[in-house]
Amino acid sequence: MLGVASLLCGCAVMSESECLTADWYAVGERDGQEGRPLAHLAQYHDACSQYGVYPDEDAYSKGRDQGLMVYCTEDGGYHEGRVGLGYRGVCPAILEPYFLEGYNVGIAVRETIESVHRVDYEIHSTREEIKELEREIGEIESPEDEDTSDNGDRPPADRLKDNLNEMYRELGRLEAELERLQDEKVYAIVAYRRAVDVARSMGFYERYEY
């Protein structure tokens, strides 16, 4: 359970054997390559101190700096943005512009894909609503039971007419919404392809999904 919790919260928990055998330069290098903030060193300290082991801060920092040289690149930034990971401001000022250039492109590709998926879902939902409403209208207009008895003050035909009018108005609204969503999907796909074109122009492999 502790291991699962550490994965979920991103904690830097180490076991006793890991603490005892740790190569702190390698640990720092790995953390740098993964874009982890320096605060993770304090978590290692808390985890290992209970075993009488304390991180080599100098070795860890040197390794992390080396790892950041790999992370803080256009490629590293693009990967983080593309998979939806947040940037934690870990890159040195001299490298950050390169990282952010890739990161922003990756974010753009991801967000435009999500926009197309969202519109697709809304189109599907609206079509299902239209289908259900058309079914209900069909049942009213062609009832299997011809019994028109009514216990209210108004004749059944009047109420049915009011219901149908309201349902047809709702049907018209849904059909207009469907048309709007279909137009929105076209624009979303255009935005997506533009984002992919930018990514490809920078050398990042992306195939068109739409």
N, C-alpha and C. Protein backbone atom coordinates (compact mmCIF):
# COMPACT_ATOMS: atom_id res chain seq x y z
N MET A 1 0.83 -1.21 0.00
CA MET A 1 0.00 0.00 0.00
C MET A 1 0.86 1.26 0.00
N LEU A 2 1.98 1.20 0.74
CA LEU A 2 2.88 2.35 0.76
C LEU A 2 3.45 2.63 -0.62
N GLY A 3 3.76 1.54 -1.35
CA GLY A 3 4.30 1.72 -2.70
C GLY A 3 3.28 2.34 -3.62
N VAL A 4 2.02 1.87 -3.52
CA VAL A 4 0.95 2.44 -4.35
C VAL A 4 0.74 3.90 -4.02
N ALA A 5 0.72 4.22 -2.72
CA ALA A 5 0.51 5.60 -2.32
C ALA A 5 1.62 6.50 -2.84
N SER A 6 2.85 6.00 -2.82
CA SER A 6 3.96 6.81 -3.30
C SER A 6 3.85 7.08 -4.78
N LEU A 7 3.34 6.10 -5.54
CA LEU A 7 3.17 6.31 -6.97
C LEU A 7 2.09 7.33 -7.24
N LEU A 8 0.99 7.24 -6.47
CA LEU A 8 -0.13 8.13 -6.70
C LEU A 8 0.21 9.57 -6.36
N CYS A 9 0.99 9.78 -5.32
CA CYS A 9 1.29 11.15 -4.91
C CYS A 9 2.62 11.64 -5.46
N GLY A 10 3.37 10.76 -6.16
CA GLY A 10 4.65 11.17 -6.70
C GLY A 10 5.72 11.27 -5.64
N CYS A 11 5.52 10.62 -4.47
CA CYS A 11 6.49 10.72 -3.38
C CYS A 11 7.76 9.93 -3.71
N ALA A 12 8.87 10.40 -3.15
CA ALA A 12 10.16 9.75 -3.41
C ALA A 12 10.48 8.81 -2.26
N VAL A 13 9.68 7.78 -2.05
CA VAL A 13 9.88 6.84 -0.96
C VAL A 13 10.86 5.77 -1.41
N MET A 14 11.81 5.41 -0.51
CA MET A 14 12.78 4.37 -0.81
C MET A 14 12.74 3.33 0.29
N SER A 15 12.98 2.08 -0.09
CA SER A 15 13.03 0.99 0.89
C SER A 15 14.38 1.02 1.61
N GLU A 16 14.51 0.19 2.65
CA GLU A 16 15.75 0.15 3.40
C GLU A 16 16.92 -0.30 2.51
N SER A 17 16.69 -1.33 1.70
CA SER A 17 17.77 -1.81 0.84
C SER A 17 18.16 -0.77 -0.20
N GLU A 18 17.17 -0.03 -0.70
CA GLU A 18 17.47 1.02 -1.68
C GLU A 18 18.28 2.13 -1.02
N CYS A 19 17.92 2.48 0.20
CA CYS A 19 18.66 3.52 0.91
C CYS A 19 20.10 3.11 1.17
N LEU A 20 20.27 1.86 1.54
CA LEU A 20 21.61 1.37 1.91
C LEU A 20 22.54 1.24 0.70
N THR A 21 21.98 1.00 -0.45
CA THR A 21 22.82 0.76 -1.65
C THR A 21 22.73 1.90 -2.67
N ALA A 22 22.08 2.98 -2.32
CA ALA A 22 21.80 4.04 -3.29
C ALA A 22 23.08 4.68 -3.84
N ASP A 23 23.09 4.85 -5.15
CA ASP A 23 24.10 5.68 -5.82
C ASP A 23 23.42 7.03 -6.00
N TRP A 24 23.75 7.97 -5.12
CA TRP A 24 22.99 9.23 -5.08
C TRP A 24 23.19 10.07 -6.33
N TYR A 25 24.29 9.93 -6.99
CA TYR A 25 24.47 10.62 -8.28
C TYR A 25 23.47 10.06 -9.29
N ALA A 26 23.35 8.73 -9.35
CA ALA A 26 22.43 8.09 -10.30
C ALA A 26 20.98 8.41 -9.95
N VAL A 27 20.66 8.46 -8.65
CA VAL A 27 19.30 8.81 -8.23
C VAL A 27 18.98 10.23 -8.68
N GLY A 28 19.92 11.14 -8.47
CA GLY A 28 19.70 12.52 -8.89
C GLY A 28 19.58 12.65 -10.40
N GLU A 29 20.42 11.89 -11.12
CA GLU A 29 20.37 11.94 -12.59
C GLU A 29 19.01 11.46 -13.11
N ARG A 30 18.52 10.37 -12.52
CA ARG A 30 17.20 9.86 -12.92
C ARG A 30 16.11 10.89 -12.63
N ASP A 31 16.16 11.50 -11.44
CA ASP A 31 15.15 12.49 -11.09
C ASP A 31 15.21 13.70 -12.02
N GLY A 32 16.43 14.10 -12.38
CA GLY A 32 16.57 15.21 -13.32
C GLY A 32 15.98 14.89 -14.67
N GLN A 33 16.22 13.66 -15.15
CA GLN A 33 15.68 13.25 -16.45
C GLN A 33 14.16 13.19 -16.43
N GLU A 34 13.58 12.99 -15.24
CA GLU A 34 12.12 12.92 -15.11
C GLU A 34 11.52 14.27 -14.72
N GLY A 35 12.36 15.29 -14.59
CA GLY A 35 11.87 16.63 -14.30
C GLY A 35 11.36 16.81 -12.88
N ARG A 36 11.90 16.03 -11.96
CA ARG A 36 11.45 16.15 -10.57
C ARG A 36 12.11 17.35 -9.89
N PRO A 37 11.36 18.05 -9.04
CA PRO A 37 11.93 19.20 -8.34
C PRO A 37 12.92 18.77 -7.27
N LEU A 38 13.74 19.70 -6.83
CA LEU A 38 14.77 19.41 -5.83
C LEU A 38 14.16 18.97 -4.50
N ALA A 39 12.89 19.30 -4.29
CA ALA A 39 12.21 18.93 -3.05
C ALA A 39 12.19 17.42 -2.83
N HIS A 40 12.35 16.65 -3.87
CA HIS A 40 12.37 15.19 -3.71
C HIS A 40 13.55 14.74 -2.85
N LEU A 41 14.62 15.52 -2.81
CA LEU A 41 15.76 15.15 -1.97
C LEU A 41 15.34 15.09 -0.50
N ALA A 42 14.49 16.04 -0.07
CA ALA A 42 14.02 16.04 1.32
C ALA A 42 13.18 14.79 1.61
N GLN A 43 12.46 14.31 0.62
CA GLN A 43 11.66 13.10 0.80
C GLN A 43 12.57 11.87 0.94
N TYR A 44 13.63 11.85 0.17
CA TYR A 44 14.60 10.77 0.32
C TYR A 44 15.22 10.80 1.73
N HIS A 45 15.52 12.00 2.18
CA HIS A 45 16.10 12.16 3.51
C HIS A 45 15.16 11.59 4.57
N ASP A 46 13.87 11.93 4.47
CA ASP A 46 12.90 11.45 5.45
C ASP A 46 12.77 9.93 5.40
N ALA A 47 12.80 9.38 4.17
CA ALA A 47 12.62 7.93 4.01
C ALA A 47 13.83 7.16 4.52
N CYS A 48 15.03 7.68 4.25
CA CYS A 48 16.24 6.91 4.56
C CYS A 48 16.79 7.16 5.97
N SER A 49 16.45 8.30 6.54
CA SER A 49 17.01 8.62 7.86
C SER A 49 16.58 7.62 8.91
N GLN A 50 15.40 7.02 8.73
CA GLN A 50 14.94 6.03 9.70
C GLN A 50 15.80 4.77 9.70
N TYR A 51 16.62 4.61 8.66
CA TYR A 51 17.54 3.47 8.58
C TYR A 51 18.97 3.90 8.87
N GLY A 52 19.13 5.14 9.33
CA GLY A 52 20.46 5.65 9.62
C GLY A 52 21.26 6.02 8.39
N VAL A 53 20.55 6.25 7.27
CA VAL A 53 21.20 6.60 6.01
C VAL A 53 20.76 8.00 5.61
N TYR A 54 21.72 8.79 5.14
CA TYR A 54 21.41 10.16 4.73
C TYR A 54 21.92 10.39 3.30
N PRO A 55 21.11 11.00 2.46
CA PRO A 55 21.51 11.20 1.06
C PRO A 55 22.78 12.05 0.95
N ASP A 56 23.57 11.76 -0.05
CA ASP A 56 24.73 12.58 -0.39
C ASP A 56 24.20 13.72 -1.26
N GLU A 57 23.96 14.86 -0.62
CA GLU A 57 23.29 15.97 -1.30
C GLU A 57 24.12 16.49 -2.47
N ASP A 58 25.43 16.52 -2.31
CA ASP A 58 26.29 17.04 -3.39
C ASP A 58 26.23 16.12 -4.61
N ALA A 59 26.33 14.80 -4.37
CA ALA A 59 26.27 13.85 -5.49
C ALA A 59 24.90 13.88 -6.15
N TYR A 60 23.87 13.95 -5.32
CA TYR A 60 22.50 13.98 -5.87
C TYR A 60 22.31 15.22 -6.74
N SER A 61 22.73 16.38 -6.25
CA SER A 61 22.54 17.62 -7.00
C SER A 61 23.30 17.61 -8.32
N LYS A 62 24.52 17.07 -8.29
CA LYS A 62 25.30 16.99 -9.53
C LYS A 62 24.63 16.05 -10.53
N GLY A 63 24.15 14.92 -10.04
CA GLY A 63 23.45 13.99 -10.92
C GLY A 63 22.17 14.58 -11.47
N ARG A 64 21.44 15.27 -10.62
CA ARG A 64 20.19 15.89 -11.07
C ARG A 64 20.46 16.95 -12.13
N ASP A 65 21.48 17.75 -11.93
CA ASP A 65 21.84 18.77 -12.93
C ASP A 65 22.14 18.11 -14.28
N GLN A 66 22.82 16.97 -14.23
CA GLN A 66 23.12 16.26 -15.48
C GLN A 66 21.85 15.73 -16.11
N GLY A 67 20.97 15.19 -15.28
CA GLY A 67 19.70 14.68 -15.80
C GLY A 67 18.84 15.76 -16.41
N LEU A 68 18.88 16.96 -15.84
CA LEU A 68 18.09 18.07 -16.39
C LEU A 68 18.57 18.47 -17.77
N MET A 69 19.82 18.19 -18.09
CA MET A 69 20.33 18.48 -19.43
C MET A 69 19.58 17.65 -20.47
N VAL A 70 19.11 16.48 -20.08
CA VAL A 70 18.33 15.63 -20.98
C VAL A 70 16.87 16.05 -20.98
N TYR A 71 16.35 16.37 -19.81
CA TYR A 71 14.94 16.74 -19.68
C TYR A 71 14.63 18.10 -20.31
N CYS A 72 15.50 19.05 -20.07
CA CYS A 72 15.22 20.44 -20.47
C CYS A 72 15.62 20.71 -21.92
N THR A 73 15.00 19.97 -22.83
CA THR A 73 15.22 20.12 -24.26
C THR A 73 13.86 20.25 -24.95
N GLU A 74 13.88 20.57 -26.22
CA GLU A 74 12.63 20.60 -26.98
C GLU A 74 11.94 19.24 -26.93
N ASP A 75 12.73 18.19 -27.10
CA ASP A 75 12.16 16.84 -27.07
C ASP A 75 11.53 16.53 -25.72
N GLY A 76 12.25 16.87 -24.65
CA GLY A 76 11.71 16.63 -23.32
C GLY A 76 10.45 17.42 -23.07
N GLY A 77 10.45 18.66 -23.50
CA GLY A 77 9.26 19.50 -23.33
C GLY A 77 8.08 18.99 -24.13
N TYR A 78 8.36 18.57 -25.37
CA TYR A 78 7.27 18.07 -26.21
C TYR A 78 6.62 16.84 -25.58
N HIS A 79 7.45 15.93 -25.09
CA HIS A 79 6.92 14.71 -24.47
C HIS A 79 6.05 15.05 -23.26
N GLU A 80 6.52 15.95 -22.41
CA GLU A 80 5.74 16.30 -21.21
C GLU A 80 4.40 16.93 -21.60
N GLY A 81 4.42 17.84 -22.56
CA GLY A 81 3.17 18.47 -22.99
C GLY A 81 2.25 17.51 -23.70
N ARG A 82 2.83 16.64 -24.50
CA ARG A 82 2.02 15.72 -25.30
C ARG A 82 1.26 14.73 -24.43
N VAL A 83 1.88 14.28 -23.34
CA VAL A 83 1.21 13.31 -22.46
C VAL A 83 0.42 14.00 -21.35
N GLY A 84 0.46 15.34 -21.32
CA GLY A 84 -0.38 16.08 -20.37
C GLY A 84 0.22 16.26 -18.99
N LEU A 85 1.55 16.18 -18.88
CA LEU A 85 2.19 16.41 -17.59
C LEU A 85 2.47 17.90 -17.41
N GLY A 86 2.33 18.37 -16.20
CA GLY A 86 2.57 19.78 -15.93
C GLY A 86 4.06 20.07 -15.78
N TYR A 87 4.44 21.26 -16.20
CA TYR A 87 5.84 21.68 -16.04
C TYR A 87 6.01 22.27 -14.65
N ARG A 88 7.03 21.82 -13.95
CA ARG A 88 7.23 22.23 -12.55
C ARG A 88 8.34 23.26 -12.38
N GLY A 89 8.70 23.92 -13.45
CA GLY A 89 9.67 25.02 -13.36
C GLY A 89 11.06 24.60 -12.93
N VAL A 90 11.49 23.43 -13.36
CA VAL A 90 12.77 22.89 -12.88
C VAL A 90 13.95 23.24 -13.79
N CYS A 91 13.69 23.70 -14.98
CA CYS A 91 14.79 23.90 -15.94
C CYS A 91 15.58 25.17 -15.63
N PRO A 92 16.90 25.13 -15.79
CA PRO A 92 17.70 26.34 -15.65
C PRO A 92 17.28 27.38 -16.68
N ALA A 93 17.48 28.64 -16.33
CA ALA A 93 17.02 29.73 -17.19
C ALA A 93 17.55 29.62 -18.61
N ILE A 94 18.78 29.15 -18.76
CA ILE A 94 19.39 29.08 -20.09
C ILE A 94 18.75 27.99 -20.95
N LEU A 95 18.16 26.96 -20.31
CA LEU A 95 17.57 25.85 -21.05
C LEU A 95 16.05 25.93 -21.15
N GLU A 96 15.45 26.70 -20.27
CA GLU A 96 13.99 26.71 -20.20
C GLU A 96 13.31 27.11 -21.51
N PRO A 97 13.81 28.10 -22.25
CA PRO A 97 13.13 28.46 -23.51
C PRO A 97 13.02 27.29 -24.49
N TYR A 98 14.07 26.45 -24.57
CA TYR A 98 14.03 25.30 -25.47
C TYR A 98 12.98 24.29 -25.00
N PHE A 99 12.96 24.05 -23.70
CA PHE A 99 11.97 23.13 -23.14
C PHE A 99 10.56 23.64 -23.41
N LEU A 100 10.31 24.90 -23.13
CA LEU A 100 8.96 25.45 -23.26
C LEU A 100 8.49 25.48 -24.71
N GLU A 101 9.43 25.67 -25.64
CA GLU A 101 9.04 25.67 -27.05
C GLU A 101 8.45 24.32 -27.43
N GLY A 102 9.12 23.24 -27.03
CA GLY A 102 8.58 21.91 -27.29
C GLY A 102 7.34 21.62 -26.46
N TYR A 103 7.35 22.06 -25.22
CA TYR A 103 6.23 21.81 -24.32
C TYR A 103 4.93 22.43 -24.84
N ASN A 104 5.01 23.67 -25.28
CA ASN A 104 3.80 24.36 -25.77
C ASN A 104 3.24 23.71 -27.02
N VAL A 105 4.11 23.21 -27.87
CA VAL A 105 3.66 22.51 -29.07
C VAL A 105 2.99 21.19 -28.68
N GLY A 106 3.60 20.46 -27.76
CA GLY A 106 3.00 19.21 -27.29
C GLY A 106 1.65 19.42 -26.65
N ILE A 107 1.54 20.47 -25.84
CA ILE A 107 0.26 20.81 -25.20
C ILE A 107 -0.79 21.12 -26.26
N ALA A 108 -0.40 21.87 -27.29
CA ALA A 108 -1.34 22.25 -28.34
C ALA A 108 -1.90 21.03 -29.06
N VAL A 109 -1.03 20.07 -29.37
CA VAL A 109 -1.48 18.85 -30.03
C VAL A 109 -2.44 18.09 -29.13
N ARG A 110 -2.08 17.94 -27.87
CA ARG A 110 -2.93 17.20 -26.94
C ARG A 110 -4.30 17.89 -26.76
N GLU A 111 -4.28 19.19 -26.57
CA GLU A 111 -5.54 19.91 -26.31
C GLU A 111 -6.46 19.90 -27.53
N THR A 112 -5.88 19.98 -28.73
CA THR A 112 -6.74 19.95 -29.91
C THR A 112 -7.34 18.56 -30.13
N ILE A 113 -6.58 17.51 -29.81
CA ILE A 113 -7.13 16.16 -29.87
C ILE A 113 -8.29 16.02 -28.88
N GLU A 114 -8.09 16.53 -27.67
CA GLU A 114 -9.15 16.46 -26.66
C GLU A 114 -10.38 17.24 -27.10
N SER A 115 -10.19 18.34 -27.80
CA SER A 115 -11.32 19.12 -28.30
C SER A 115 -12.14 18.32 -29.31
N VAL A 116 -11.45 17.63 -30.21
CA VAL A 116 -12.16 16.81 -31.19
C VAL A 116 -12.91 15.68 -30.49
N HIS A 117 -12.28 15.04 -29.51
CA HIS A 117 -12.94 13.96 -28.77
C HIS A 117 -14.18 14.48 -28.04
N ARG A 118 -14.06 15.67 -27.44
CA ARG A 118 -15.20 16.24 -26.71
C ARG A 118 -16.37 16.51 -27.64
N VAL A 119 -16.08 17.10 -28.80
CA VAL A 119 -17.15 17.40 -29.75
C VAL A 119 -17.77 16.10 -30.28
N ASP A 120 -16.94 15.09 -30.53
CA ASP A 120 -17.45 13.80 -30.97
C ASP A 120 -18.44 13.23 -29.95
N TYR A 121 -18.08 13.33 -28.68
CA TYR A 121 -18.96 12.82 -27.62
C TYR A 121 -20.28 13.59 -27.60
N GLU A 122 -20.21 14.91 -27.72
CA GLU A 122 -21.42 15.73 -27.70
C GLU A 122 -22.30 15.44 -28.92
N ILE A 123 -21.67 15.21 -30.07
CA ILE A 123 -22.43 14.85 -31.27
C ILE A 123 -23.15 13.53 -31.06
N HIS A 124 -22.45 12.55 -30.53
CA HIS A 124 -23.06 11.25 -30.26
C HIS A 124 -24.24 11.39 -29.29
N SER A 125 -24.04 12.15 -28.21
CA SER A 125 -25.09 12.32 -27.21
C SER A 125 -26.30 13.02 -27.81
N THR A 126 -26.07 14.03 -28.64
CA THR A 126 -27.18 14.77 -29.25
C THR A 126 -27.93 13.88 -30.23
N ARG A 127 -27.22 13.08 -30.98
CA ARG A 127 -27.89 12.16 -31.91
C ARG A 127 -28.76 11.15 -31.14
N GLU A 128 -28.28 10.69 -30.00
CA GLU A 128 -29.06 9.76 -29.20
C GLU A 128 -30.32 10.43 -28.66
N GLU A 129 -30.20 11.70 -28.25
CA GLU A 129 -31.38 12.43 -27.78
C GLU A 129 -32.40 12.60 -28.90
N ILE A 130 -31.91 12.90 -30.10
CA ILE A 130 -32.80 13.06 -31.25
C ILE A 130 -33.50 11.74 -31.55
N LYS A 131 -32.76 10.67 -31.54
CA LYS A 131 -33.33 9.36 -31.81
C LYS A 131 -34.43 9.01 -30.80
N GLU A 132 -34.17 9.26 -29.54
CA GLU A 132 -35.16 8.96 -28.49
C GLU A 132 -36.39 9.83 -28.63
N LEU A 133 -36.18 11.10 -28.93
CA LEU A 133 -37.32 12.02 -29.07
C LEU A 133 -38.16 11.64 -30.29
N GLU A 134 -37.53 11.26 -31.38
CA GLU A 134 -38.27 10.82 -32.56
C GLU A 134 -39.07 9.56 -32.25
N ARG A 135 -38.51 8.69 -31.42
CA ARG A 135 -39.26 7.49 -31.03
C ARG A 135 -40.50 7.86 -30.23
N GLU A 136 -40.35 8.79 -29.29
CA GLU A 136 -41.48 9.21 -28.47
C GLU A 136 -42.56 9.90 -29.32
N ILE A 137 -42.13 10.70 -30.27
CA ILE A 137 -43.09 11.36 -31.16
C ILE A 137 -43.84 10.32 -31.98
N GLY A 138 -43.10 9.33 -32.47
CA GLY A 138 -43.74 8.27 -33.25
C GLY A 138 -44.78 7.52 -32.45
N GLU A 139 -44.52 7.28 -31.17
CA GLU A 139 -45.49 6.57 -30.33
C GLU A 139 -46.75 7.38 -30.11
N ILE A 140 -46.59 8.70 -30.01
CA ILE A 140 -47.76 9.55 -29.81
C ILE A 140 -48.56 9.67 -31.10
N GLU A 141 -47.88 9.82 -32.22
CA GLU A 141 -48.58 10.01 -33.49
C GLU A 141 -49.20 8.72 -34.01
N SER A 142 -48.65 7.59 -33.62
CA SER A 142 -49.19 6.30 -34.06
C SER A 142 -49.35 5.38 -32.85
N PRO A 143 -50.26 5.72 -31.96
CA PRO A 143 -50.41 4.92 -30.74
C PRO A 143 -50.97 3.54 -31.03
N GLU A 144 -50.45 2.56 -30.28
CA GLU A 144 -51.00 1.21 -30.42
C GLU A 144 -52.36 1.10 -29.75
N ASP A 145 -52.54 1.86 -28.68
CA ASP A 145 -53.81 1.86 -27.95
C ASP A 145 -54.60 3.07 -28.37
N GLU A 146 -55.74 2.86 -28.98
CA GLU A 146 -56.56 3.96 -29.49
C GLU A 146 -57.50 4.53 -28.45
N ASP A 147 -57.39 4.08 -27.18
CA ASP A 147 -58.25 4.58 -26.12
C ASP A 147 -57.92 6.04 -25.85
N THR A 148 -58.88 6.94 -26.05
CA THR A 148 -58.66 8.37 -25.87
C THR A 148 -59.43 8.91 -24.67
N SER A 149 -59.80 8.03 -23.74
CA SER A 149 -60.51 8.49 -22.56
C SER A 149 -59.63 9.44 -21.77
N ASP A 150 -60.29 10.38 -21.05
CA ASP A 150 -59.54 11.39 -20.32
C ASP A 150 -60.33 11.81 -19.09
N ASN A 151 -59.63 11.92 -17.99
CA ASN A 151 -60.31 12.32 -16.76
C ASN A 151 -60.13 13.80 -16.47
N GLY A 152 -59.40 14.53 -17.29
CA GLY A 152 -59.15 15.94 -17.06
C GLY A 152 -60.22 16.82 -17.69
N ASP A 153 -60.01 18.13 -17.60
CA ASP A 153 -60.97 19.08 -18.14
C ASP A 153 -60.79 19.29 -19.63
N ARG A 154 -59.57 19.09 -20.14
CA ARG A 154 -59.32 19.35 -21.56
C ARG A 154 -59.39 18.05 -22.34
N PRO A 155 -59.84 18.11 -23.57
CA PRO A 155 -59.90 16.91 -24.42
C PRO A 155 -58.51 16.35 -24.63
N PRO A 156 -58.39 15.03 -24.74
CA PRO A 156 -57.07 14.40 -24.96
C PRO A 156 -56.35 14.94 -26.17
N ALA A 157 -57.09 15.21 -27.22
CA ALA A 157 -56.46 15.68 -28.46
C ALA A 157 -55.73 16.99 -28.25
N ASP A 158 -56.29 17.86 -27.42
CA ASP A 158 -55.63 19.15 -27.17
C ASP A 158 -54.31 18.96 -26.43
N ARG A 159 -54.34 18.08 -25.45
CA ARG A 159 -53.11 17.84 -24.70
C ARG A 159 -52.05 17.17 -25.56
N LEU A 160 -52.47 16.23 -26.39
CA LEU A 160 -51.53 15.57 -27.29
C LEU A 160 -50.91 16.57 -28.26
N LYS A 161 -51.74 17.48 -28.73
CA LYS A 161 -51.23 18.49 -29.66
C LYS A 161 -50.21 19.38 -28.99
N ASP A 162 -50.50 19.79 -27.73
CA ASP A 162 -49.55 20.62 -26.99
C ASP A 162 -48.23 19.87 -26.77
N ASN A 163 -48.34 18.60 -26.39
CA ASN A 163 -47.15 17.78 -26.16
C ASN A 163 -46.31 17.65 -27.43
N LEU A 164 -47.01 17.38 -28.53
CA LEU A 164 -46.30 17.22 -29.80
C LEU A 164 -45.62 18.51 -30.23
N ASN A 165 -46.32 19.63 -30.06
CA ASN A 165 -45.72 20.91 -30.43
C ASN A 165 -44.44 21.16 -29.63
N GLU A 166 -44.50 20.89 -28.33
CA GLU A 166 -43.32 21.07 -27.48
C GLU A 166 -42.20 20.12 -27.89
N MET A 167 -42.56 18.89 -28.19
CA MET A 167 -41.55 17.91 -28.59
C MET A 167 -40.92 18.28 -29.92
N TYR A 168 -41.71 18.79 -30.85
CA TYR A 168 -41.16 19.19 -32.14
C TYR A 168 -40.25 20.42 -31.99
N ARG A 169 -40.61 21.32 -31.05
CA ARG A 169 -39.73 22.46 -30.80
C ARG A 169 -38.38 21.97 -30.24
N GLU A 170 -38.45 21.01 -29.31
CA GLU A 170 -37.23 20.46 -28.75
C GLU A 170 -36.42 19.71 -29.82
N LEU A 171 -37.13 19.03 -30.71
CA LEU A 171 -36.45 18.33 -31.80
C LEU A 171 -35.73 19.33 -32.70
N GLY A 172 -36.38 20.43 -32.99
CA GLY A 172 -35.73 21.45 -33.81
C GLY A 172 -34.51 22.03 -33.14
N ARG A 173 -34.62 22.23 -31.82
CA ARG A 173 -33.46 22.76 -31.09
C ARG A 173 -32.30 21.78 -31.13
N LEU A 174 -32.60 20.50 -30.94
CA LEU A 174 -31.54 19.48 -30.96
C LEU A 174 -30.91 19.37 -32.34
N GLU A 175 -31.72 19.45 -33.38
CA GLU A 175 -31.17 19.37 -34.74
C GLU A 175 -30.27 20.56 -35.05
N ALA A 176 -30.68 21.75 -34.55
CA ALA A 176 -29.83 22.92 -34.73
C ALA A 176 -28.52 22.78 -33.95
N GLU A 177 -28.63 22.23 -32.74
CA GLU A 177 -27.43 22.01 -31.93
C GLU A 177 -26.50 21.00 -32.60
N LEU A 178 -27.07 19.96 -33.19
CA LEU A 178 -26.26 18.97 -33.89
C LEU A 178 -25.52 19.61 -35.06
N GLU A 179 -26.19 20.46 -35.78
CA GLU A 179 -25.54 21.15 -36.91
C GLU A 179 -24.41 22.04 -36.41
N ARG A 180 -24.65 22.74 -35.29
CA ARG A 180 -23.60 23.60 -34.73
C ARG A 180 -22.40 22.76 -34.29
N LEU A 181 -22.66 21.63 -33.66
CA LEU A 181 -21.57 20.76 -33.21
C LEU A 181 -20.77 20.19 -34.38
N GLN A 182 -21.45 19.87 -35.46
CA GLN A 182 -20.76 19.35 -36.64
C GLN A 182 -19.83 20.41 -37.23
N ASP A 183 -20.30 21.68 -37.21
CA ASP A 183 -19.43 22.77 -37.65
C ASP A 183 -18.25 22.94 -36.70
N GLU A 184 -18.53 22.82 -35.39
CA GLU A 184 -17.47 22.96 -34.40
C GLU A 184 -16.42 21.86 -34.58
N LYS A 185 -16.85 20.68 -34.95
CA LYS A 185 -15.89 19.59 -35.16
C LYS A 185 -14.97 19.90 -36.34
N VAL A 186 -15.52 20.49 -37.37
CA VAL A 186 -14.69 20.87 -38.53
C VAL A 186 -13.59 21.84 -38.09
N TYR A 187 -13.97 22.85 -37.31
CA TYR A 187 -12.98 23.82 -36.83
C TYR A 187 -11.97 23.17 -35.90
N ALA A 188 -12.45 22.24 -35.05
CA ALA A 188 -11.55 21.55 -34.13
C ALA A 188 -10.52 20.71 -34.89
N ILE A 189 -10.95 20.07 -35.95
CA ILE A 189 -10.03 19.26 -36.75
C ILE A 189 -9.01 20.14 -37.45
N VAL A 190 -9.46 21.29 -37.95
CA VAL A 190 -8.53 22.23 -38.59
C VAL A 190 -7.47 22.68 -37.58
N ALA A 191 -7.90 23.02 -36.35
CA ALA A 191 -6.95 23.43 -35.32
C ALA A 191 -5.99 22.29 -34.97
N TYR A 192 -6.52 21.09 -34.92
CA TYR A 192 -5.68 19.92 -34.63
C TYR A 192 -4.62 19.72 -35.70
N ARG A 193 -5.01 19.79 -36.95
CA ARG A 193 -4.06 19.54 -38.03
C ARG A 193 -2.99 20.64 -38.08
N ARG A 194 -3.38 21.86 -37.74
CA ARG A 194 -2.39 22.94 -37.68
C ARG A 194 -1.37 22.66 -36.58
N ALA A 195 -1.85 22.19 -35.42
CA ALA A 195 -0.94 21.88 -34.32
C ALA A 195 -0.01 20.74 -34.70
N VAL A 196 -0.53 19.74 -35.39
CA VAL A 196 0.31 18.62 -35.83
C VAL A 196 1.33 19.10 -36.87
N ASP A 197 0.91 19.99 -37.76
CA ASP A 197 1.84 20.52 -38.76
C ASP A 197 3.02 21.22 -38.09
N VAL A 198 2.73 21.99 -37.04
CA VAL A 198 3.81 22.67 -36.32
C VAL A 198 4.74 21.64 -35.68
N ALA A 199 4.15 20.62 -35.05
CA ALA A 199 4.96 19.58 -34.41
C ALA A 199 5.84 18.87 -35.42
N ARG A 200 5.27 18.55 -36.56
CA ARG A 200 6.04 17.84 -37.59
C ARG A 200 7.13 18.72 -38.16
N SER A 201 6.86 20.02 -38.27
CA SER A 201 7.88 20.93 -38.81
C SER A 201 9.08 21.04 -37.87
N MET A 202 8.85 20.72 -36.58
CA MET A 202 9.93 20.76 -35.60
C MET A 202 10.61 19.40 -35.45
N GLY A 203 10.16 18.43 -36.24
CA GLY A 203 10.80 17.12 -36.23
C GLY A 203 10.15 16.10 -35.31
N PHE A 204 9.02 16.43 -34.74
CA PHE A 204 8.33 15.48 -33.86
C PHE A 204 7.41 14.59 -34.68
N TYR A 205 7.47 13.31 -34.42
CA TYR A 205 6.65 12.38 -35.19
C TYR A 205 5.20 12.45 -34.70
N GLU A 206 4.32 12.79 -35.62
CA GLU A 206 2.88 12.78 -35.36
C GLU A 206 2.19 12.35 -36.63
N ARG A 207 1.29 11.40 -36.50
CA ARG A 207 0.47 11.04 -37.66
C ARG A 207 -0.91 11.65 -37.47
N TYR A 208 -1.53 12.01 -38.59
CA TYR A 208 -2.85 12.61 -38.51
C TYR A 208 -3.89 11.58 -38.09
N GLU A 209 -4.59 11.87 -37.03
CA GLU A 209 -5.67 11.01 -36.58
C GLU A 209 -7.00 11.42 -37.20
N TYR A 210 -7.06 12.64 -37.69
CA TYR A 210 -8.30 13.17 -38.30
C TYR A 210 -7.97 13.85 -39.61
